[in-house]
Amino acid sequence: MLRGFLLLSLLLTIAIIAVFGFRGQTSTGSPLEIFPDMVRQMKVRAQAPLNFFADGRGSRPPVAGTVPIGYEMPKPEHTAASNAAVETLQTHPRLGFSVGTDYYDTGKMGDRWGTGVPIEVTPELMLRGQQRFNITCAMCHGATAAGNGITKQYGLATVVTLQDDRIRKMADGEIFNTITNGKNTMMAYGPNIIVADRWAIIAYLRALQRSQNAAIADVPEGRRGDLEKQ
């Protein structure tokens, strides 16, 4: 009985040493790793060769036509309206990311959040805002900003509706700051969305809020009759 217990203990000790005991020791041979835990991986190291590619280089050249985000506006060719929207933003004297301390770059007037869009609000700007909103915001906040985007169906229950009275009454500058720096579970989009596009999104959001909370007084007098008939 005792001999069997000692033999079992010896075998168990050998097994433990074989699996865990010699980890990290130098050897000229390939080690036997039962649980490598991803210690050695096929990955790209800076300025190091990699046999995965035919030329043996790990570092790859950028894709042809690649530019740093934000430093050159996209120039779509499919519609004249899209071209006009881009040209409207390109004519602004400070196209880029936040670099100043004024209202345009911070959303603040003095020590308070300001109100108003510091870019001329044109149909082209609204189109640009709609495009950027649908790309960046709609997956969480929904196409009508009601907080019912696709991410909510997958468990992100903290998304707020932008149709709430609190958001409707919020200063434009505070919304700009939220887009720039993020809030709660919302990430900061300042590094990804240039300043002019942030204001375009805000202009479009205000139109969305008004469209979902409109009264008969918001309809031009000449068209009120059509709505009343419906």
Protein backbone atom coordinates (compact mmCIF):
# COMPACT_ATOMS: atom_id res chain seq x y z
CA MET A 1 0.00 0.00 0.00
CA LEU A 2 2.73 2.42 1.04
CA ARG A 3 4.93 1.34 -1.86
CA GLY A 4 2.09 2.00 -4.31
CA PHE A 5 1.48 5.45 -2.81
CA LEU A 6 5.18 6.35 -3.08
CA LEU A 7 5.31 5.12 -6.66
CA LEU A 8 2.23 7.14 -7.55
CA SER A 9 3.69 10.24 -5.86
CA LEU A 10 6.97 9.79 -7.78
CA LEU A 11 5.19 9.46 -11.10
CA LEU A 12 3.02 12.50 -10.35
CA THR A 13 6.12 14.55 -9.42
CA ILE A 14 7.86 13.55 -12.65
CA ALA A 15 4.77 14.47 -14.64
CA ILE A 16 4.53 17.90 -12.98
CA ILE A 17 8.22 18.61 -13.60
CA ALA A 18 7.91 17.47 -17.21
CA VAL A 19 5.02 19.81 -17.85
CA PHE A 20 5.98 22.86 -15.78
CA GLY A 21 9.47 22.43 -14.37
CA PHE A 22 11.93 23.42 -17.12
CA ARG A 23 10.09 26.34 -18.63
CA GLY A 24 12.42 29.23 -19.53
CA GLN A 25 15.70 27.24 -19.54
CA THR A 26 18.10 27.63 -22.46
CA SER A 27 18.39 24.71 -24.86
CA THR A 28 19.61 24.14 -28.39
CA GLY A 29 16.67 21.88 -29.14
CA SER A 30 13.03 22.67 -29.64
CA PRO A 31 11.18 22.48 -26.32
CA LEU A 32 8.16 20.30 -25.79
CA GLU A 33 5.36 22.66 -24.80
CA ILE A 34 2.13 21.13 -23.60
CA PHE A 35 0.51 24.52 -22.93
CA PRO A 36 2.41 27.16 -24.95
CA ASP A 37 -0.23 29.82 -24.10
CA MET A 38 0.57 31.76 -27.27
CA VAL A 39 4.11 32.53 -26.09
CA ARG A 40 5.39 32.17 -29.64
CA GLN A 41 3.16 33.52 -32.39
CA MET A 42 3.35 34.26 -36.07
CA LYS A 43 3.18 38.03 -36.00
CA VAL A 44 4.75 41.03 -37.63
CA ARG A 45 7.63 42.65 -35.75
CA ALA A 46 8.93 46.03 -36.86
CA GLN A 47 11.85 45.79 -39.29
CA ALA A 48 11.94 41.97 -38.96
CA PRO A 49 11.66 39.31 -41.67
CA LEU A 50 8.52 37.22 -42.00
CA ASN A 51 8.21 34.10 -44.13
CA PHE A 52 4.45 34.57 -44.51
CA PHE A 53 5.01 36.90 -47.50
CA ALA A 54 6.79 35.91 -50.69
CA ASP A 55 9.36 38.70 -50.40
CA GLY A 56 10.18 37.75 -46.79
CA ARG A 57 9.47 41.23 -45.44
CA GLY A 58 7.33 41.70 -42.34
CA SER A 59 6.74 45.43 -42.76
CA ARG A 60 4.38 46.06 -45.66
CA PRO A 61 4.05 49.20 -47.77
CA PRO A 62 0.74 51.05 -47.43
CA VAL A 63 -2.00 50.39 -49.94
CA ALA A 64 -1.73 52.62 -52.99
CA GLY A 65 -3.59 55.88 -52.45
CA THR A 66 -3.57 55.65 -48.63
CA VAL A 67 -3.61 59.03 -46.87
CA PRO A 68 -3.69 59.95 -43.16
CA ILE A 69 -7.31 60.27 -42.03
CA GLY A 70 -8.52 63.84 -41.83
CA TYR A 71 -5.78 65.43 -43.91
CA GLU A 72 -7.52 65.08 -47.24
CA MET A 73 -11.24 65.06 -47.69
CA PRO A 74 -12.76 62.21 -49.73
CA LYS A 75 -13.83 63.30 -53.19
CA PRO A 76 -16.79 61.15 -54.26
CA GLU A 77 -17.66 61.17 -57.93
CA HIS A 78 -21.01 59.41 -57.94
CA THR A 79 -23.24 62.49 -57.43
CA ALA A 80 -22.92 66.21 -57.95
CA ALA A 81 -24.52 66.80 -54.53
CA SER A 82 -21.78 64.77 -52.81
CA ASN A 83 -19.11 66.77 -54.61
CA ALA A 84 -20.78 70.00 -53.56
CA ALA A 85 -20.90 68.85 -49.93
CA VAL A 86 -17.18 68.11 -49.93
CA GLU A 87 -16.36 71.39 -51.65
CA THR A 88 -18.41 73.28 -49.05
CA LEU A 89 -16.28 71.85 -46.26
CA GLN A 90 -13.03 72.27 -48.18
CA THR A 91 -13.64 75.99 -48.54
CA HIS A 92 -13.58 76.38 -44.76
CA PRO A 93 -10.26 78.02 -43.77
CA ARG A 94 -9.53 75.49 -41.01
CA LEU A 95 -10.18 72.03 -42.34
CA GLY A 96 -8.77 69.47 -39.90
CA PHE A 97 -8.88 68.30 -36.31
CA SER A 98 -9.24 70.54 -33.23
CA VAL A 99 -6.26 72.86 -33.00
CA GLY A 100 -7.65 76.11 -31.61
CA THR A 101 -9.26 77.31 -28.40
CA ASP A 102 -12.23 79.17 -29.89
CA TYR A 103 -15.85 78.09 -30.22
CA TYR A 104 -15.30 76.36 -33.56
CA ASP A 105 -12.71 74.00 -32.06
CA THR A 106 -14.00 73.59 -28.50
CA GLY A 107 -17.74 74.28 -28.44
CA LYS A 108 -17.20 76.85 -25.70
CA MET A 109 -17.90 80.57 -25.61
CA GLY A 110 -15.82 81.75 -22.70
CA ASP A 111 -16.47 79.35 -19.83
CA ARG A 112 -19.89 78.21 -21.10
CA TRP A 113 -21.10 75.90 -23.83
CA GLY A 114 -22.08 77.91 -26.87
CA THR A 115 -25.01 77.50 -29.23
CA GLY A 116 -25.09 77.74 -32.99
CA VAL A 117 -23.32 76.05 -35.90
CA PRO A 118 -20.23 78.11 -36.85
CA ILE A 119 -20.39 76.93 -40.47
CA GLU A 120 -22.96 78.09 -43.01
CA VAL A 121 -25.80 75.57 -42.92
CA THR A 122 -26.56 74.71 -46.53
CA PRO A 123 -28.33 71.74 -48.15
CA GLU A 124 -24.89 70.41 -49.04
CA LEU A 125 -23.75 70.63 -45.42
CA MET A 126 -26.90 68.84 -44.28
CA LEU A 127 -26.22 66.06 -46.80
CA ARG A 128 -22.69 65.74 -45.45
CA GLY A 129 -24.05 65.63 -41.90
CA GLN A 130 -26.51 62.90 -42.86
CA GLN A 131 -23.73 60.82 -44.42
CA ARG A 132 -21.43 61.19 -41.39
CA PHE A 133 -24.29 60.54 -38.95
CA ASN A 134 -25.33 57.36 -40.73
CA ILE A 135 -21.72 56.14 -40.84
CA THR A 136 -20.65 57.05 -37.31
CA CYS A 137 -23.71 57.47 -35.10
CA ALA A 138 -26.66 55.52 -36.48
CA MET A 139 -25.42 52.06 -35.46
CA CYS A 140 -25.93 53.06 -31.80
CA HIS A 141 -28.42 55.93 -31.84
CA GLY A 142 -30.54 54.75 -34.77
CA ALA A 143 -31.39 56.37 -38.09
CA THR A 144 -33.81 58.79 -36.40
CA ALA A 145 -31.61 59.27 -33.29
CA ALA A 146 -34.18 57.47 -31.14
CA GLY A 147 -31.56 55.30 -29.43
CA ASN A 148 -32.62 52.11 -31.22
CA GLY A 149 -29.55 51.31 -33.32
CA ILE A 150 -28.38 47.82 -34.18
CA THR A 151 -25.95 47.71 -31.23
CA LYS A 152 -28.87 47.83 -28.80
CA GLN A 153 -30.09 44.52 -30.18
CA TYR A 154 -26.76 43.01 -29.16
CA GLY A 155 -26.75 44.11 -25.54
CA LEU A 156 -25.55 47.72 -25.53
CA ALA A 157 -28.44 48.91 -23.41
CA THR A 158 -26.86 52.19 -22.26
CA VAL A 159 -27.41 54.04 -25.56
CA VAL A 160 -29.53 57.14 -24.96
CA THR A 161 -32.14 58.56 -27.31
CA LEU A 162 -31.08 61.86 -28.79
CA GLN A 163 -34.78 62.74 -29.09
CA ASP A 164 -34.98 63.21 -25.33
CA ASP A 165 -35.90 66.75 -24.19
CA ARG A 166 -32.62 66.95 -22.28
CA ILE A 167 -30.62 66.46 -25.49
CA ARG A 168 -32.91 68.73 -27.50
CA LYS A 169 -32.27 71.53 -25.02
CA MET A 170 -28.54 70.79 -24.73
CA ALA A 171 -26.24 73.47 -26.15
CA ASP A 172 -24.68 72.72 -29.52
CA GLY A 173 -21.25 73.23 -28.00
CA GLU A 174 -21.84 70.55 -25.37
CA ILE A 175 -22.90 68.07 -28.07
CA PHE A 176 -19.75 69.00 -29.99
CA ASN A 177 -17.69 68.29 -26.86
CA THR A 178 -19.38 64.91 -26.40
CA ILE A 179 -18.59 63.93 -29.99
CA THR A 180 -15.00 65.09 -29.53
CA ASN A 181 -14.19 63.58 -26.13
CA GLY A 182 -16.86 60.92 -25.62
CA LYS A 183 -19.04 60.36 -22.57
CA ASN A 184 -19.76 57.32 -20.39
CA THR A 185 -19.67 54.29 -22.74
CA MET A 186 -19.40 56.43 -25.87
CA MET A 187 -15.86 56.62 -27.19
CA ALA A 188 -14.16 59.84 -28.27
CA TYR A 189 -14.58 60.55 -31.97
CA GLY A 190 -12.32 63.61 -32.01
CA PRO A 191 -9.39 61.68 -33.50
CA ASN A 192 -11.60 60.23 -36.26
CA ILE A 193 -14.01 63.00 -37.27
CA ILE A 194 -12.68 66.36 -38.41
CA VAL A 195 -14.13 69.48 -36.83
CA ALA A 196 -16.20 70.54 -39.84
CA ASP A 197 -17.84 67.12 -39.99
CA ARG A 198 -18.70 67.28 -36.27
CA TRP A 199 -20.62 70.49 -36.86
CA ALA A 200 -22.27 68.99 -39.95
CA ILE A 201 -23.45 66.06 -37.79
CA ILE A 202 -24.85 68.47 -35.20
CA ALA A 203 -26.74 70.43 -37.87
CA TYR A 204 -28.26 67.21 -39.19
CA LEU A 205 -29.08 66.01 -35.67
CA ARG A 206 -31.00 69.21 -34.96
CA ALA A 207 -33.02 68.59 -38.14
CA LEU A 208 -33.71 65.01 -37.01
CA GLN A 209 -34.86 66.21 -33.60
CA ARG A 210 -37.19 68.73 -35.14
CA SER A 211 -38.57 66.23 -37.64
CA GLN A 212 -39.49 63.79 -34.84
CA ASN A 213 -41.02 66.45 -32.61
CA ALA A 214 -42.73 68.75 -35.08
CA ALA A 215 -45.98 70.64 -34.60
CA ILE A 216 -48.40 71.98 -37.19
CA ALA A 217 -46.87 75.42 -36.67
CA ASP A 218 -43.59 74.12 -38.11
CA VAL A 219 -45.25 73.39 -41.45
CA PRO A 220 -45.44 76.21 -44.01
CA GLU A 221 -48.94 77.65 -44.18
CA GLY A 222 -49.36 76.66 -47.81
CA ARG A 223 -48.94 72.97 -46.96
CA ARG A 224 -50.86 72.70 -43.72
CA GLY A 225 -54.07 71.92 -45.58
CA ASP A 226 -52.52 68.81 -47.16
CA LEU A 227 -51.60 67.45 -43.73
CA GLU A 228 -55.00 68.19 -42.27
CA LYS A 229 -56.66 66.22 -45.09
CA GLN A 230 -54.56 63.19 -44.21
